[in-house]
Structures are given as C-alpha cells and as structure tokens.
Amino acid sequence: MQEQPIPPQEDARAGLTRRRLVRLGWITAVLVAVGGQLWLLLKLFLAPTTPGEGRGQFAVGSLAKFPVGSVKHFRKERFIVAHHPTGVLALSNECTHQKCTVDYLPERKMIFCPCHGAQFSTTGAVLAGPASRPLERFATTIQDGQVMVDTTQRLGTVPSPG
C-alpha cells in the first residue's frame, strides 16, 4: 500500500494580506526612525576625536588673509572666523541647540545649522530657529600680524538682538 501525499493545507496566515503589508510598513518606518535617532546619538556622543583636535591655540593666518566682511570656516579646528569692522571674532561651529556642526552660507551671509534650521549672524547672535542661545565665542588675538584663536578660552556668547 502506497501512501498518498497529504495535500498542503492552505494556511490563512501564510498569505500576505493587506493588513500584514500595512503592519510591515509601519514596523519598517518605526525601525528606520529609531535607527536614525540612534545613529545620530552615537555620532554625537561616541565620535572619536584626534587628541588635541579642536582644542588649543591656532594661528589661522595673517590678518591680511581676512579682509573686513570675510568669514572662514575652520572645520578641523571647529570654529568660524569672521572679520567685522570692530575686529576679528572666532565662533564655535557647534550649534547651541543640539550641538550639530553649523556652516557659513556666503550667499545669505549667515551661519546655518543643517540639523534643525537654526540661523545665526556672523557675530553669533540667533536670527531664527530652535536655538535659544548665541554661538560660543573663543579668545582671539593678533600676534605679529597673525590671527590667533584659543579654543581653550571660551568667552561666552554675545547677546541676541531684541
């Protein structure tokens, strides 16, 4: 006597229903959102820094290299130098909202945080966005015609207009 193969039974749960597809979509969206937040937190808090990088005293160039009205971003050193009629100013390139790296937008003549849209003037004052405090300032001196920025000496912030 030969055994007959048992026909596979249709399992109602085995098929991909509309409800399962929607649930799978929601689970995927939540996992992507949580993963993105986790990546941001790991990047912010566990990013390795080269010893001495971004801290110390830096000679960034001669004063002639920075005409009045110029703004230059020193990414490795983590600051922005702006030359105003009143003098040279060094600002931290770390947003005061959630510590993202800001960048100077020359076409708009402002400093912008790409993470949440905060905007700062070239003096560090808050123009718009979620940041409530101005950018930190660093000690800046001119020695033998060279612009020196000391990132170990934070001078606080400039008051926001208004």
N, C-alpha and C. Protein backbone atom coordinates (compact mmCIF):
# COMPACT_ATOMS: atom_id res chain seq x y z
N MET A 1 0.82 -1.15 0.00
CA MET A 1 0.00 0.00 0.00
C MET A 1 0.88 1.25 0.00
N GLN A 2 0.65 2.07 -0.96
CA GLN A 2 1.45 3.28 -1.13
C GLN A 2 0.73 4.44 -0.48
N GLU A 3 1.53 5.22 0.26
CA GLU A 3 0.92 6.36 0.97
C GLU A 3 0.73 7.52 0.01
N GLN A 4 -0.40 8.09 0.11
CA GLN A 4 -0.72 9.27 -0.69
C GLN A 4 -0.18 10.50 0.02
N PRO A 5 0.54 11.39 -0.71
CA PRO A 5 0.99 12.62 -0.06
C PRO A 5 -0.22 13.46 0.36
N ILE A 6 -0.09 13.98 1.53
CA ILE A 6 -1.17 14.82 2.05
C ILE A 6 -1.08 16.18 1.36
N PRO A 7 -2.17 16.62 0.75
CA PRO A 7 -2.12 17.92 0.07
C PRO A 7 -1.87 19.03 1.09
N PRO A 8 -1.04 19.99 0.70
CA PRO A 8 -0.76 21.08 1.65
C PRO A 8 -2.05 21.83 1.97
N GLN A 9 -2.20 22.07 3.24
CA GLN A 9 -3.39 22.80 3.66
C GLN A 9 -3.13 24.29 3.49
N GLU A 10 -4.13 24.98 3.07
CA GLU A 10 -4.00 26.41 2.91
C GLU A 10 -4.05 27.05 4.28
N ASP A 11 -3.01 27.76 4.58
CA ASP A 11 -2.93 28.44 5.86
C ASP A 11 -3.31 29.90 5.63
N ALA A 12 -4.37 30.34 6.27
CA ALA A 12 -4.84 31.71 6.07
C ALA A 12 -3.81 32.74 6.51
N ARG A 13 -2.95 32.33 7.46
CA ARG A 13 -1.94 33.26 7.96
C ARG A 13 -0.71 33.33 7.06
N ALA A 14 -0.55 32.40 6.17
CA ALA A 14 0.65 32.34 5.34
C ALA A 14 0.67 33.40 4.25
N GLY A 15 -0.47 33.82 3.78
CA GLY A 15 -0.52 34.80 2.69
C GLY A 15 -0.25 36.21 3.18
N LEU A 16 0.17 37.06 2.27
CA LEU A 16 0.44 38.46 2.59
C LEU A 16 -0.84 39.25 2.37
N THR A 17 -1.50 39.53 3.45
CA THR A 17 -2.74 40.28 3.36
C THR A 17 -2.45 41.77 3.39
N ARG A 18 -3.46 42.55 3.07
CA ARG A 18 -3.30 44.00 3.11
C ARG A 18 -2.97 44.46 4.53
N ARG A 19 -3.61 43.86 5.51
CA ARG A 19 -3.35 44.22 6.91
C ARG A 19 -1.90 43.94 7.30
N ARG A 20 -1.39 42.78 6.86
CA ARG A 20 0.02 42.45 7.16
C ARG A 20 0.97 43.40 6.45
N LEU A 21 0.66 43.77 5.24
CA LEU A 21 1.51 44.69 4.49
C LEU A 21 1.57 46.06 5.17
N VAL A 22 0.42 46.56 5.62
CA VAL A 22 0.39 47.85 6.32
C VAL A 22 1.17 47.75 7.62
N ARG A 23 0.98 46.66 8.36
CA ARG A 23 1.69 46.47 9.62
C ARG A 23 3.21 46.41 9.38
N LEU A 24 3.60 45.68 8.34
CA LEU A 24 5.02 45.59 7.99
C LEU A 24 5.57 46.98 7.63
N GLY A 25 4.79 47.77 6.92
CA GLY A 25 5.21 49.13 6.58
C GLY A 25 5.41 50.00 7.81
N TRP A 26 4.49 49.92 8.76
CA TRP A 26 4.62 50.70 9.99
C TRP A 26 5.83 50.25 10.81
N ILE A 27 6.03 48.96 10.91
CA ILE A 27 7.18 48.44 11.66
C ILE A 27 8.48 48.90 11.02
N THR A 28 8.54 48.85 9.70
CA THR A 28 9.73 49.31 8.99
C THR A 28 9.96 50.80 9.22
N ALA A 29 8.92 51.60 9.15
CA ALA A 29 9.06 53.05 9.36
C ALA A 29 9.56 53.35 10.77
N VAL A 30 9.01 52.66 11.76
CA VAL A 30 9.45 52.87 13.14
C VAL A 30 10.91 52.46 13.31
N LEU A 31 11.30 51.33 12.74
CA LEU A 31 12.69 50.88 12.86
C LEU A 31 13.65 51.85 12.18
N VAL A 32 13.25 52.39 11.03
CA VAL A 32 14.10 53.37 10.34
C VAL A 32 14.24 54.64 11.19
N ALA A 33 13.14 55.11 11.76
CA ALA A 33 13.19 56.32 12.60
C ALA A 33 14.04 56.09 13.84
N VAL A 34 13.85 54.98 14.51
CA VAL A 34 14.64 54.68 15.72
C VAL A 34 16.11 54.50 15.35
N GLY A 35 16.37 53.83 14.24
CA GLY A 35 17.76 53.64 13.79
C GLY A 35 18.43 54.96 13.48
N GLY A 36 17.69 55.87 12.84
CA GLY A 36 18.26 57.18 12.53
C GLY A 36 18.59 57.97 13.78
N GLN A 37 17.71 57.94 14.76
CA GLN A 37 17.98 58.63 16.02
C GLN A 37 19.16 58.01 16.75
N LEU A 38 19.23 56.70 16.75
CA LEU A 38 20.35 56.01 17.40
C LEU A 38 21.66 56.36 16.71
N TRP A 39 21.65 56.41 15.36
CA TRP A 39 22.85 56.78 14.63
C TRP A 39 23.29 58.19 15.00
N LEU A 40 22.33 59.12 15.09
CA LEU A 40 22.67 60.50 15.45
C LEU A 40 23.26 60.57 16.85
N LEU A 41 22.66 59.87 17.80
CA LEU A 41 23.19 59.87 19.16
C LEU A 41 24.59 59.27 19.22
N LEU A 42 24.81 58.17 18.53
CA LEU A 42 26.14 57.56 18.52
C LEU A 42 27.15 58.49 17.87
N LYS A 43 26.74 59.15 16.79
CA LYS A 43 27.64 60.09 16.11
C LYS A 43 28.01 61.26 17.03
N LEU A 44 27.02 61.78 17.76
CA LEU A 44 27.27 62.94 18.62
C LEU A 44 28.12 62.59 19.84
N PHE A 45 27.82 61.46 20.46
CA PHE A 45 28.45 61.16 21.74
C PHE A 45 29.65 60.22 21.67
N LEU A 46 29.75 59.44 20.63
CA LEU A 46 30.84 58.47 20.57
C LEU A 46 31.81 58.72 19.43
N ALA A 47 31.67 59.86 18.76
CA ALA A 47 32.57 60.16 17.65
C ALA A 47 33.99 60.34 18.18
N PRO A 48 34.93 59.57 17.64
CA PRO A 48 36.30 59.71 18.12
C PRO A 48 36.90 61.04 17.66
N THR A 49 37.68 61.64 18.52
CA THR A 49 38.38 62.86 18.14
C THR A 49 39.86 62.60 18.27
N THR A 50 40.61 63.16 17.36
CA THR A 50 42.04 63.06 17.42
C THR A 50 42.52 63.85 18.63
N PRO A 51 43.45 63.32 19.41
CA PRO A 51 43.92 64.08 20.58
C PRO A 51 44.37 65.47 20.18
N GLY A 52 43.84 66.47 20.85
CA GLY A 52 44.19 67.86 20.59
C GLY A 52 43.40 68.50 19.47
N GLU A 53 42.65 67.72 18.71
CA GLU A 53 41.88 68.29 17.60
C GLU A 53 40.77 69.18 18.15
N GLY A 54 40.70 70.37 17.64
CA GLY A 54 39.64 71.28 18.04
C GLY A 54 39.88 71.98 19.36
N ARG A 55 41.00 71.71 20.01
CA ARG A 55 41.30 72.34 21.29
C ARG A 55 42.73 72.87 21.25
N GLY A 56 42.89 74.07 21.71
CA GLY A 56 44.24 74.64 21.75
C GLY A 56 44.29 76.01 21.12
N GLN A 57 45.51 76.44 20.85
CA GLN A 57 45.72 77.75 20.25
C GLN A 57 46.16 77.54 18.81
N PHE A 58 45.48 78.24 17.89
CA PHE A 58 45.73 78.06 16.47
C PHE A 58 46.08 79.37 15.81
N ALA A 59 47.14 79.37 15.00
CA ALA A 59 47.49 80.50 14.14
C ALA A 59 46.78 80.23 12.82
N VAL A 60 45.79 81.04 12.47
CA VAL A 60 44.97 80.75 11.30
C VAL A 60 45.37 81.54 10.07
N GLY A 61 46.33 82.43 10.19
CA GLY A 61 46.80 83.18 9.04
C GLY A 61 46.99 84.65 9.37
N SER A 62 47.56 85.34 8.41
CA SER A 62 47.80 86.77 8.62
C SER A 62 46.48 87.53 8.57
N LEU A 63 46.46 88.67 9.21
CA LEU A 63 45.27 89.50 9.24
C LEU A 63 44.86 89.91 7.82
N ALA A 64 45.85 90.07 6.93
CA ALA A 64 45.57 90.43 5.53
C ALA A 64 44.77 89.34 4.82
N LYS A 65 44.85 88.12 5.30
CA LYS A 65 44.12 86.99 4.72
C LYS A 65 42.62 87.08 5.01
N PHE A 66 42.26 87.93 6.00
CA PHE A 66 40.87 88.08 6.41
C PHE A 66 40.42 89.53 6.23
N PRO A 67 40.03 89.93 5.02
CA PRO A 67 39.55 91.30 4.85
C PRO A 67 38.26 91.52 5.63
N VAL A 68 37.98 92.77 5.97
CA VAL A 68 36.75 93.09 6.70
C VAL A 68 35.55 92.58 5.91
N GLY A 69 34.66 91.88 6.59
CA GLY A 69 33.49 91.29 5.96
C GLY A 69 33.66 89.83 5.59
N SER A 70 34.90 89.31 5.71
CA SER A 70 35.12 87.92 5.34
C SER A 70 34.77 86.98 6.49
N VAL A 71 34.39 85.76 6.12
CA VAL A 71 34.07 84.71 7.08
C VAL A 71 34.70 83.43 6.56
N LYS A 72 35.43 82.72 7.43
CA LYS A 72 36.08 81.47 7.02
C LYS A 72 35.83 80.40 8.07
N HIS A 73 35.44 79.21 7.61
CA HIS A 73 35.14 78.07 8.49
C HIS A 73 36.37 77.18 8.59
N PHE A 74 36.85 76.95 9.78
CA PHE A 74 37.95 76.03 10.05
C PHE A 74 37.35 74.77 10.65
N ARG A 75 37.05 73.81 9.79
CA ARG A 75 36.31 72.61 10.22
C ARG A 75 37.10 71.75 11.20
N LYS A 76 38.33 71.47 10.88
CA LYS A 76 39.14 70.60 11.74
C LYS A 76 39.33 71.21 13.13
N GLU A 77 39.51 72.51 13.16
CA GLU A 77 39.72 73.21 14.42
C GLU A 77 38.41 73.52 15.14
N ARG A 78 37.28 73.41 14.42
CA ARG A 78 35.93 73.55 14.94
C ARG A 78 35.55 74.99 15.31
N PHE A 79 35.90 75.93 14.46
CA PHE A 79 35.46 77.30 14.68
C PHE A 79 35.33 78.04 13.36
N ILE A 80 34.68 79.20 13.44
CA ILE A 80 34.47 80.08 12.29
C ILE A 80 35.06 81.44 12.65
N VAL A 81 35.87 82.00 11.75
CA VAL A 81 36.47 83.32 11.98
C VAL A 81 35.75 84.33 11.09
N ALA A 82 35.28 85.41 11.71
CA ALA A 82 34.61 86.49 10.99
C ALA A 82 35.33 87.79 11.30
N HIS A 83 35.64 88.56 10.26
CA HIS A 83 36.30 89.85 10.46
C HIS A 83 35.27 90.95 10.26
N HIS A 84 34.96 91.63 11.34
CA HIS A 84 33.99 92.74 11.34
C HIS A 84 34.76 94.05 11.44
N PRO A 85 34.12 95.18 11.16
CA PRO A 85 34.79 96.48 11.31
C PRO A 85 35.30 96.69 12.74
N THR A 86 34.67 96.05 13.72
CA THR A 86 35.08 96.19 15.12
C THR A 86 36.19 95.23 15.52
N GLY A 87 36.52 94.27 14.66
CA GLY A 87 37.60 93.33 14.95
C GLY A 87 37.31 91.92 14.47
N VAL A 88 38.24 91.03 14.79
CA VAL A 88 38.13 89.62 14.39
C VAL A 88 37.44 88.85 15.49
N LEU A 89 36.53 87.98 15.09
CA LEU A 89 35.73 87.22 16.04
C LEU A 89 35.83 85.74 15.67
N ALA A 90 36.06 84.88 16.66
CA ALA A 90 36.07 83.43 16.44
C ALA A 90 34.87 82.83 17.15
N LEU A 91 34.05 82.09 16.39
CA LEU A 91 32.83 81.48 16.93
C LEU A 91 32.94 79.97 16.87
N SER A 92 32.39 79.31 17.85
CA SER A 92 32.32 77.85 17.83
C SER A 92 31.44 77.43 16.66
N ASN A 93 31.79 76.32 16.01
CA ASN A 93 30.94 75.83 14.92
C ASN A 93 29.94 74.78 15.42
N GLU A 94 29.67 74.82 16.73
CA GLU A 94 28.73 73.89 17.35
C GLU A 94 27.45 74.62 17.71
N CYS A 95 26.34 74.19 17.13
CA CYS A 95 25.04 74.82 17.38
C CYS A 95 24.68 74.70 18.85
N THR A 96 24.13 75.76 19.41
CA THR A 96 23.75 75.75 20.82
C THR A 96 22.43 75.03 21.06
N HIS A 97 21.76 74.57 20.01
CA HIS A 97 20.51 73.85 20.17
C HIS A 97 20.78 72.39 20.53
N GLN A 98 21.43 71.64 19.62
CA GLN A 98 21.72 70.24 19.91
C GLN A 98 23.11 69.84 19.44
N LYS A 99 24.01 70.78 19.40
CA LYS A 99 25.42 70.56 19.15
C LYS A 99 25.78 70.03 17.77
N CYS A 100 24.93 70.26 16.78
CA CYS A 100 25.27 69.91 15.40
C CYS A 100 26.31 70.91 14.89
N THR A 101 27.04 70.52 13.85
CA THR A 101 28.03 71.41 13.26
C THR A 101 27.34 72.40 12.32
N VAL A 102 27.55 73.68 12.57
CA VAL A 102 26.97 74.73 11.73
C VAL A 102 27.91 75.03 10.57
N ASP A 103 27.41 75.75 9.58
CA ASP A 103 28.24 76.13 8.44
C ASP A 103 27.86 77.54 8.00
N TYR A 104 28.81 78.22 7.38
CA TYR A 104 28.57 79.57 6.89
C TYR A 104 28.01 79.49 5.48
N LEU A 105 26.92 80.22 5.22
CA LEU A 105 26.32 80.31 3.89
C LEU A 105 26.64 81.69 3.31
N PRO A 106 27.65 81.79 2.44
CA PRO A 106 28.06 83.11 1.95
C PRO A 106 26.99 83.83 1.15
N GLU A 107 26.15 83.08 0.42
CA GLU A 107 25.12 83.73 -0.39
C GLU A 107 24.07 84.41 0.47
N ARG A 108 23.90 83.94 1.71
CA ARG A 108 22.92 84.54 2.63
C ARG A 108 23.59 85.32 3.76
N LYS A 109 24.92 85.26 3.80
CA LYS A 109 25.71 85.96 4.83
C LYS A 109 25.24 85.62 6.24
N MET A 110 25.09 84.31 6.48
CA MET A 110 24.67 83.86 7.80
C MET A 110 25.23 82.47 8.07
N ILE A 111 25.19 82.10 9.33
CA ILE A 111 25.63 80.79 9.77
C ILE A 111 24.37 79.95 9.98
N PHE A 112 24.39 78.73 9.43
CA PHE A 112 23.19 77.90 9.39
C PHE A 112 23.46 76.52 9.99
N CYS A 113 22.51 76.01 10.77
CA CYS A 113 22.60 74.66 11.31
C CYS A 113 21.72 73.75 10.45
N PRO A 114 22.30 72.77 9.77
CA PRO A 114 21.52 71.93 8.88
C PRO A 114 20.63 70.92 9.62
N CYS A 115 20.88 70.67 10.89
CA CYS A 115 20.09 69.66 11.63
C CYS A 115 18.65 70.11 11.88
N HIS A 116 18.47 71.32 12.39
CA HIS A 116 17.13 71.78 12.75
C HIS A 116 16.81 73.18 12.24
N GLY A 117 17.70 73.75 11.42
CA GLY A 117 17.40 75.02 10.76
C GLY A 117 17.70 76.28 11.54
N ALA A 118 18.45 76.19 12.64
CA ALA A 118 18.80 77.41 13.38
C ALA A 118 19.67 78.30 12.49
N GLN A 119 19.49 79.62 12.64
CA GLN A 119 20.26 80.59 11.86
C GLN A 119 20.93 81.57 12.82
N PHE A 120 22.19 81.90 12.51
CA PHE A 120 22.97 82.80 13.35
C PHE A 120 23.60 83.87 12.47
N SER A 121 23.79 85.06 13.04
CA SER A 121 24.50 86.11 12.32
C SER A 121 26.00 85.80 12.41
N THR A 122 26.81 86.57 11.70
CA THR A 122 28.26 86.36 11.75
C THR A 122 28.87 86.87 13.05
N THR A 123 28.05 87.41 13.94
CA THR A 123 28.52 87.75 15.28
C THR A 123 28.12 86.65 16.27
N GLY A 124 27.39 85.64 15.77
CA GLY A 124 26.96 84.54 16.61
C GLY A 124 25.56 84.68 17.18
N ALA A 125 24.92 85.83 16.98
CA ALA A 125 23.58 86.07 17.52
C ALA A 125 22.55 85.20 16.80
N VAL A 126 21.55 84.74 17.54
CA VAL A 126 20.49 83.91 16.97
C VAL A 126 19.58 84.77 16.09
N LEU A 127 19.39 84.35 14.85
CA LEU A 127 18.48 85.03 13.93
C LEU A 127 17.14 84.32 13.86
N ALA A 128 17.17 82.99 13.86
CA ALA A 128 15.94 82.19 13.75
C ALA A 128 16.24 80.75 14.13
N GLY A 129 15.17 80.03 14.37
CA GLY A 129 15.31 78.60 14.60
C GLY A 129 15.18 78.20 16.05
N PRO A 130 15.39 76.93 16.31
CA PRO A 130 15.18 76.43 17.66
C PRO A 130 16.28 76.81 18.66
N ALA A 131 17.43 77.24 18.19
CA ALA A 131 18.50 77.63 19.12
C ALA A 131 18.05 78.86 19.91
N SER A 132 18.24 78.82 21.22
CA SER A 132 17.82 79.94 22.06
C SER A 132 19.02 80.76 22.54
N ARG A 133 20.22 80.22 22.36
CA ARG A 133 21.43 80.92 22.80
C ARG A 133 22.35 81.17 21.61
N PRO A 134 23.07 82.27 21.63
CA PRO A 134 24.04 82.57 20.56
C PRO A 134 25.19 81.56 20.56
N LEU A 135 25.97 81.56 19.48
CA LEU A 135 27.14 80.70 19.39
C LEU A 135 28.20 81.13 20.40
N GLU A 136 28.94 80.17 20.92
CA GLU A 136 30.04 80.46 21.85
C GLU A 136 31.14 81.21 21.10
N ARG A 137 31.84 82.10 21.82
CA ARG A 137 32.98 82.81 21.24
C ARG A 137 34.27 82.30 21.87
N PHE A 138 35.36 82.36 21.09
CA PHE A 138 36.68 81.97 21.58
C PHE A 138 37.58 83.21 21.63
N ALA A 139 38.57 83.15 22.49
CA ALA A 139 39.54 84.24 22.60
C ALA A 139 40.30 84.37 21.28
N THR A 140 40.40 85.61 20.79
CA THR A 140 41.09 85.88 19.53
C THR A 140 42.07 87.03 19.76
N THR A 141 43.29 86.85 19.30
CA THR A 141 44.30 87.91 19.41
C THR A 141 45.05 88.02 18.09
N ILE A 142 45.72 89.15 17.91
CA ILE A 142 46.59 89.36 16.76
C ILE A 142 48.01 89.44 17.31
N GLN A 143 48.87 88.49 16.92
CA GLN A 143 50.26 88.47 17.37
C GLN A 143 51.17 88.48 16.16
N ASP A 144 51.99 89.50 16.05
CA ASP A 144 52.92 89.66 14.93
C ASP A 144 52.19 89.55 13.58
N GLY A 145 51.01 90.16 13.51
CA GLY A 145 50.24 90.17 12.27
C GLY A 145 49.48 88.88 11.99
N GLN A 146 49.58 87.90 12.88
CA GLN A 146 48.89 86.62 12.72
C GLN A 146 47.64 86.58 13.60
N VAL A 147 46.56 86.07 13.05
CA VAL A 147 45.33 85.89 13.82
C VAL A 147 45.47 84.60 14.63
N MET A 148 45.33 84.71 15.95
CA MET A 148 45.44 83.57 16.85
C MET A 148 44.09 83.32 17.50
N VAL A 149 43.65 82.06 17.49
CA VAL A 149 42.39 81.68 18.13
C VAL A 149 42.71 80.64 19.19
N ASP A 150 42.25 80.90 20.41
CA ASP A 150 42.48 79.97 21.53
C ASP A 150 41.14 79.33 21.91
N THR A 151 40.95 78.08 21.51
CA THR A 151 39.68 77.40 21.76
C THR A 151 39.58 76.85 23.18
N THR A 152 40.64 76.99 23.96
CA THR A 152 40.54 76.59 25.37
C THR A 152 39.95 77.71 26.21
N GLN A 153 39.87 78.92 25.64
CA GLN A 153 39.31 80.08 26.35
C GLN A 153 37.99 80.48 25.71
N ARG A 154 36.92 80.01 26.30
CA ARG A 154 35.58 80.39 25.83
C ARG A 154 35.19 81.71 26.49
N LEU A 155 34.70 82.63 25.68
CA LEU A 155 34.35 83.95 26.19
C LEU A 155 32.85 84.08 26.43
N GLY A 156 32.12 83.00 26.27
CA GLY A 156 30.67 83.08 26.43
C GLY A 156 30.04 83.41 25.10
N THR A 157 28.92 84.09 25.16
CA THR A 157 28.17 84.39 23.94
C THR A 157 27.91 85.89 23.87
N VAL A 158 27.54 86.32 22.68
CA VAL A 158 27.12 87.71 22.50
C VAL A 158 25.61 87.75 22.70
N PRO A 159 25.07 88.82 23.22
CA PRO A 159 23.62 88.87 23.40
C PRO A 159 22.87 88.90 22.08
N SER A 160 21.73 88.24 22.05
CA SER A 160 20.89 88.25 20.84
C SER A 160 20.20 89.61 20.72
N PRO A 161 20.00 90.08 19.47
CA PRO A 161 19.31 91.37 19.31
C PRO A 161 17.86 91.26 19.73
N GLY A 162 17.34 92.34 20.24
CA GLY A 162 15.93 92.36 20.59
C GLY A 162 15.78 92.25 22.01
